[in-house]
C-alpha atoms as a PDB file:
ATOM      1  CA  UNK A   1      25.530  24.425  45.226  1.00  0.00           C
ATOM      2  CA  UNK A   2      29.291  24.852  45.471  1.00  0.00           C
ATOM      3  CA  UNK A   3      29.887  23.359  42.011  1.00  0.00           C
ATOM      4  CA  UNK A   4      27.491  25.880  40.513  1.00  0.00           C
ATOM      5  CA  UNK A   5      29.279  28.707  42.335  1.00  0.00           C
ATOM      6  CA  UNK A   6      32.602  27.494  40.936  1.00  0.00           C
ATOM      7  CA  UNK A   7      31.152  27.529  37.408  1.00  0.00           C
ATOM      8  CA  UNK A   8      29.476  30.956  37.668  1.00  0.00           C
ATOM      9  CA  UNK A   9      32.148  33.008  39.426  1.00  0.00           C
ATOM     10  CA  UNK A  10      35.644  33.415  38.053  1.00  0.00           C
ATOM     11  CA  UNK A  11      37.731  34.962  40.817  1.00  0.00           C
ATOM     12  CA  UNK A  12      38.595  33.258  44.083  1.00  0.00           C
ATOM     13  CA  UNK A  13      37.109  36.174  46.036  1.00  0.00           C
ATOM     14  CA  UNK A  14      33.754  35.881  44.261  1.00  0.00           C
ATOM     15  CA  UNK A  15      33.729  32.118  44.778  1.00  0.00           C
ATOM     16  CA  UNK A  16      34.502  32.518  48.479  1.00  0.00           C
ATOM     17  CA  UNK A  17      31.798  35.155  48.890  1.00  0.00           C
ATOM     18  CA  UNK A  18      29.271  32.941  47.083  1.00  0.00           C
ATOM     19  CA  UNK A  19      30.127  29.957  49.256  1.00  0.00           C
ATOM     20  CA  UNK A  20      29.826  32.107  52.385  1.00  0.00           C
ATOM     21  CA  UNK A  21      26.340  33.242  51.307  1.00  0.00           C
ATOM     22  CA  UNK A  22      25.381  29.620  50.598  1.00  0.00           C
ATOM     23  CA  UNK A  23      26.565  28.628  54.068  1.00  0.00           C
ATOM     24  CA  UNK A  24      24.597  31.498  55.654  1.00  0.00           C
ATOM     25  CA  UNK A  25      21.467  30.348  53.818  1.00  0.00           C
ATOM     26  CA  UNK A  26      21.945  26.758  55.015  1.00  0.00           C
ATOM     27  CA  UNK A  27      22.396  27.895  58.622  1.00  0.00           C
ATOM     28  CA  UNK A  28      19.322  30.130  58.418  1.00  0.00           C
ATOM     29  CA  UNK A  29      17.307  27.247  56.963  1.00  0.00           C
ATOM     30  CA  UNK A  30      18.304  24.926  59.812  1.00  0.00           C
ATOM     31  CA  UNK A  31      17.536  27.599  62.362  1.00  0.00           C
ATOM     32  CA  UNK A  32      14.035  28.159  61.030  1.00  0.00           C
ATOM     33  CA  UNK A  33      13.436  24.398  60.967  1.00  0.00           C
ATOM     34  CA  UNK A  34      14.444  24.148  64.615  1.00  0.00           C
ATOM     35  CA  UNK A  35      12.041  26.940  65.521  1.00  0.00           C
ATOM     36  CA  UNK A  36       9.267  25.317  63.510  1.00  0.00           C
ATOM     37  CA  UNK A  37       9.606  21.979  65.338  1.00  0.00           C
ATOM     38  CA  UNK A  38      10.196  23.294  68.852  1.00  0.00           C
ATOM     39  CA  UNK A  39       6.614  22.525  69.838  1.00  0.00           C
ATOM     40  CA  UNK A  40       5.046  19.212  68.874  1.00  0.00           C
ATOM     41  CA  UNK A  41       1.435  19.290  67.769  1.00  0.00           C
ATOM     42  CA  UNK A  42      -1.168  16.838  68.993  1.00  0.00           C
ATOM     43  CA  UNK A  43      -1.221  15.313  65.499  1.00  0.00           C
ATOM     44  CA  UNK A  44       2.477  14.397  65.663  1.00  0.00           C
ATOM     45  CA  UNK A  45       1.962  12.759  69.036  1.00  0.00           C
ATOM     46  CA  UNK A  46      -1.116  10.900  67.816  1.00  0.00           C
ATOM     47  CA  UNK A  47       0.732   9.543  64.767  1.00  0.00           C
ATOM     48  CA  UNK A  48       3.665   8.431  66.902  1.00  0.00           C
ATOM     49  CA  UNK A  49       1.389   6.630  69.341  1.00  0.00           C
ATOM     50  CA  UNK A  50      -0.668   5.073  66.540  1.00  0.00           C
ATOM     51  CA  UNK A  51       2.376   3.665  64.733  1.00  0.00           C
ATOM     52  CA  UNK A  52       3.835   2.395  67.990  1.00  0.00           C
ATOM     53  CA  UNK A  53       0.617   0.607  68.952  1.00  0.00           C
ATOM     54  CA  UNK A  54       0.136  -0.792  65.433  1.00  0.00           C
ATOM     55  CA  UNK A  55       3.701  -2.111  65.391  1.00  0.00           C
ATOM     56  CA  UNK A  56       3.253  -3.705  68.841  1.00  0.00           C
ATOM     57  CA  UNK A  57      -0.040  -5.296  67.760  1.00  0.00           C
ATOM     58  CA  UNK A  58       1.311  -6.716  64.530  1.00  0.00           C
ATOM     59  CA  UNK A  59       4.458  -7.952  66.268  1.00  0.00           C
ATOM     60  CA  UNK A  60       2.241  -9.692  68.822  1.00  0.00           C
ATOM     61  CA  UNK A  61       0.291 -11.392  66.009  1.00  0.00           C
ATOM     62  CA  UNK A  62       3.493 -12.482  64.274  1.00  0.00           C
ATOM     63  CA  UNK A  63       4.991 -13.829  67.506  1.00  0.00           C
ATOM     64  CA  UNK A  64       1.818 -15.820  68.233  1.00  0.00           C
ATOM     65  CA  UNK A  65       1.929 -17.326  64.763  1.00  0.00           C
ATOM     66  CA  UNK A  66       5.628 -17.995  64.261  1.00  0.00           C
ATOM     67  CA  UNK A  67       6.843 -18.696  67.806  1.00  0.00           C
ATOM     68  CA  UNK A  68       3.958 -19.802  69.980  1.00  0.00           C
ATOM     69  CA  UNK A  69       1.809 -21.368  67.229  1.00  0.00           C
ATOM     70  CA  UNK A  70      -1.388 -20.221  68.963  1.00  0.00           C
ATOM     71  CA  UNK A  71      -3.157 -18.795  65.891  1.00  0.00           C
ATOM     72  CA  UNK A  72      -3.653 -20.107  62.386  1.00  0.00           C
ATOM     73  CA  UNK A  73      -3.207 -17.817  59.382  1.00  0.00           C
ATOM     74  CA  UNK A  74      -3.469 -18.429  55.653  1.00  0.00           C
ATOM     75  CA  UNK A  75      -0.484 -17.685  53.440  1.00  0.00           C
ATOM     76  CA  UNK A  76      -1.992 -14.441  52.138  1.00  0.00           C
ATOM     77  CA  UNK A  77      -2.670 -13.284  55.713  1.00  0.00           C
ATOM     78  CA  UNK A  78       0.945 -13.958  56.695  1.00  0.00           C
ATOM     79  CA  UNK A  79       2.176 -11.983  53.684  1.00  0.00           C
ATOM     80  CA  UNK A  80      -0.254  -9.156  54.417  1.00  0.00           C
ATOM     81  CA  UNK A  81       0.677  -8.862  58.106  1.00  0.00           C
ATOM     82  CA  UNK A  82       4.374  -9.116  57.321  1.00  0.00           C
ATOM     83  CA  UNK A  83       4.299  -6.402  54.652  1.00  0.00           C
ATOM     84  CA  UNK A  84       2.271  -4.030  56.833  1.00  0.00           C
ATOM     85  CA  UNK A  85       4.595  -4.709  59.767  1.00  0.00           C
ATOM     86  CA  UNK A  86       7.608  -3.902  57.573  1.00  0.00           C
ATOM     87  CA  UNK A  87       6.066  -0.616  56.463  1.00  0.00           C
ATOM     88  CA  UNK A  88       5.085   0.356  59.974  1.00  0.00           C
ATOM     89  CA  UNK A  89       8.552  -0.577  61.243  1.00  0.00           C
ATOM     90  CA  UNK A  90      10.093   1.797  58.692  1.00  0.00           C
ATOM     91  CA  UNK A  91       7.737   4.609  59.657  1.00  0.00           C
ATOM     92  CA  UNK A  92       8.319   3.979  63.369  1.00  0.00           C
ATOM     93  CA  UNK A  93      12.069   4.154  62.780  1.00  0.00           C
ATOM     94  CA  UNK A  94      11.644   7.508  61.044  1.00  0.00           C
ATOM     95  CA  UNK A  95       9.568   8.826  63.940  1.00  0.00           C
ATOM     96  CA  UNK A  96      12.118   7.654  66.506  1.00  0.00           C
ATOM     97  CA  UNK A  97      14.977   9.232  64.511  1.00  0.00           C
ATOM     98  CA  UNK A  98      13.049  12.480  64.372  1.00  0.00           C
ATOM     99  CA  UNK A  99      12.147  12.529  68.062  1.00  0.00           C
ATOM    100  CA  UNK A 100      15.470  11.372  69.467  1.00  0.00           C
ATOM    101  CA  UNK A 101      17.913  12.385  66.735  1.00  0.00           C
ATOM    102  CA  UNK A 102      19.279  10.189  64.009  1.00  0.00           C
ATOM    103  CA  UNK A 103      22.803   8.971  63.388  1.00  0.00           C
ATOM    104  CA  UNK A 104      23.701  12.212  61.628  1.00  0.00           C
ATOM    105  CA  UNK A 105      23.479  14.125  64.945  1.00  0.00           C
ATOM    106  CA  UNK A 106      26.915  12.814  65.930  1.00  0.00           C
ATOM    107  CA  UNK A 107      28.508  14.636  63.002  1.00  0.00           C
ATOM    108  CA  UNK A 108      28.346  17.925  64.910  1.00  0.00           C
ATOM    109  CA  UNK A 109      30.456  16.474  67.717  1.00  0.00           C
ATOM    110  CA  UNK A 110      33.509  15.780  65.546  1.00  0.00           C
ATOM    111  CA  UNK A 111      36.531  17.793  66.649  1.00  0.00           C
ATOM    112  CA  UNK A 112      38.303  18.809  63.479  1.00  0.00           C
ATOM    113  CA  UNK A 113      41.255  20.465  65.228  1.00  0.00           C
ATOM    114  CA  UNK A 114      42.222  17.193  66.909  1.00  0.00           C
ATOM    115  CA  UNK A 115      42.068  15.317  63.613  1.00  0.00           C
ATOM    116  CA  UNK A 116      44.298  17.816  61.817  1.00  0.00           C
ATOM    117  CA  UNK A 117      47.077  17.494  64.422  1.00  0.00           C
ATOM    118  CA  UNK A 118      47.467  13.781  63.787  1.00  0.00           C
END
């Protein structure tokens, strides 16, 4: 967005005004997203519980096969369970990041004034 503003506007004042409007739009967008996700629906909770239970079940199957050697699986079954477990692990990671905040949440805690003094 800022590159486009630099190309469209010619004076520094116009560029600054455009960037300020862009910043206001970004803040308003985040604010509306926060309001939208303040209350979790039953569907979100059901999906989170489903993916958690599916991941636990598939991990249990894989542990019984690879570690405890209590079940026998064909090669295609191992590949199938492993690929599904990988997909569910990715989705579960996304859900956990959404519910508890991802790594990007620490960006807001950076103190720029302290860094500039150094």
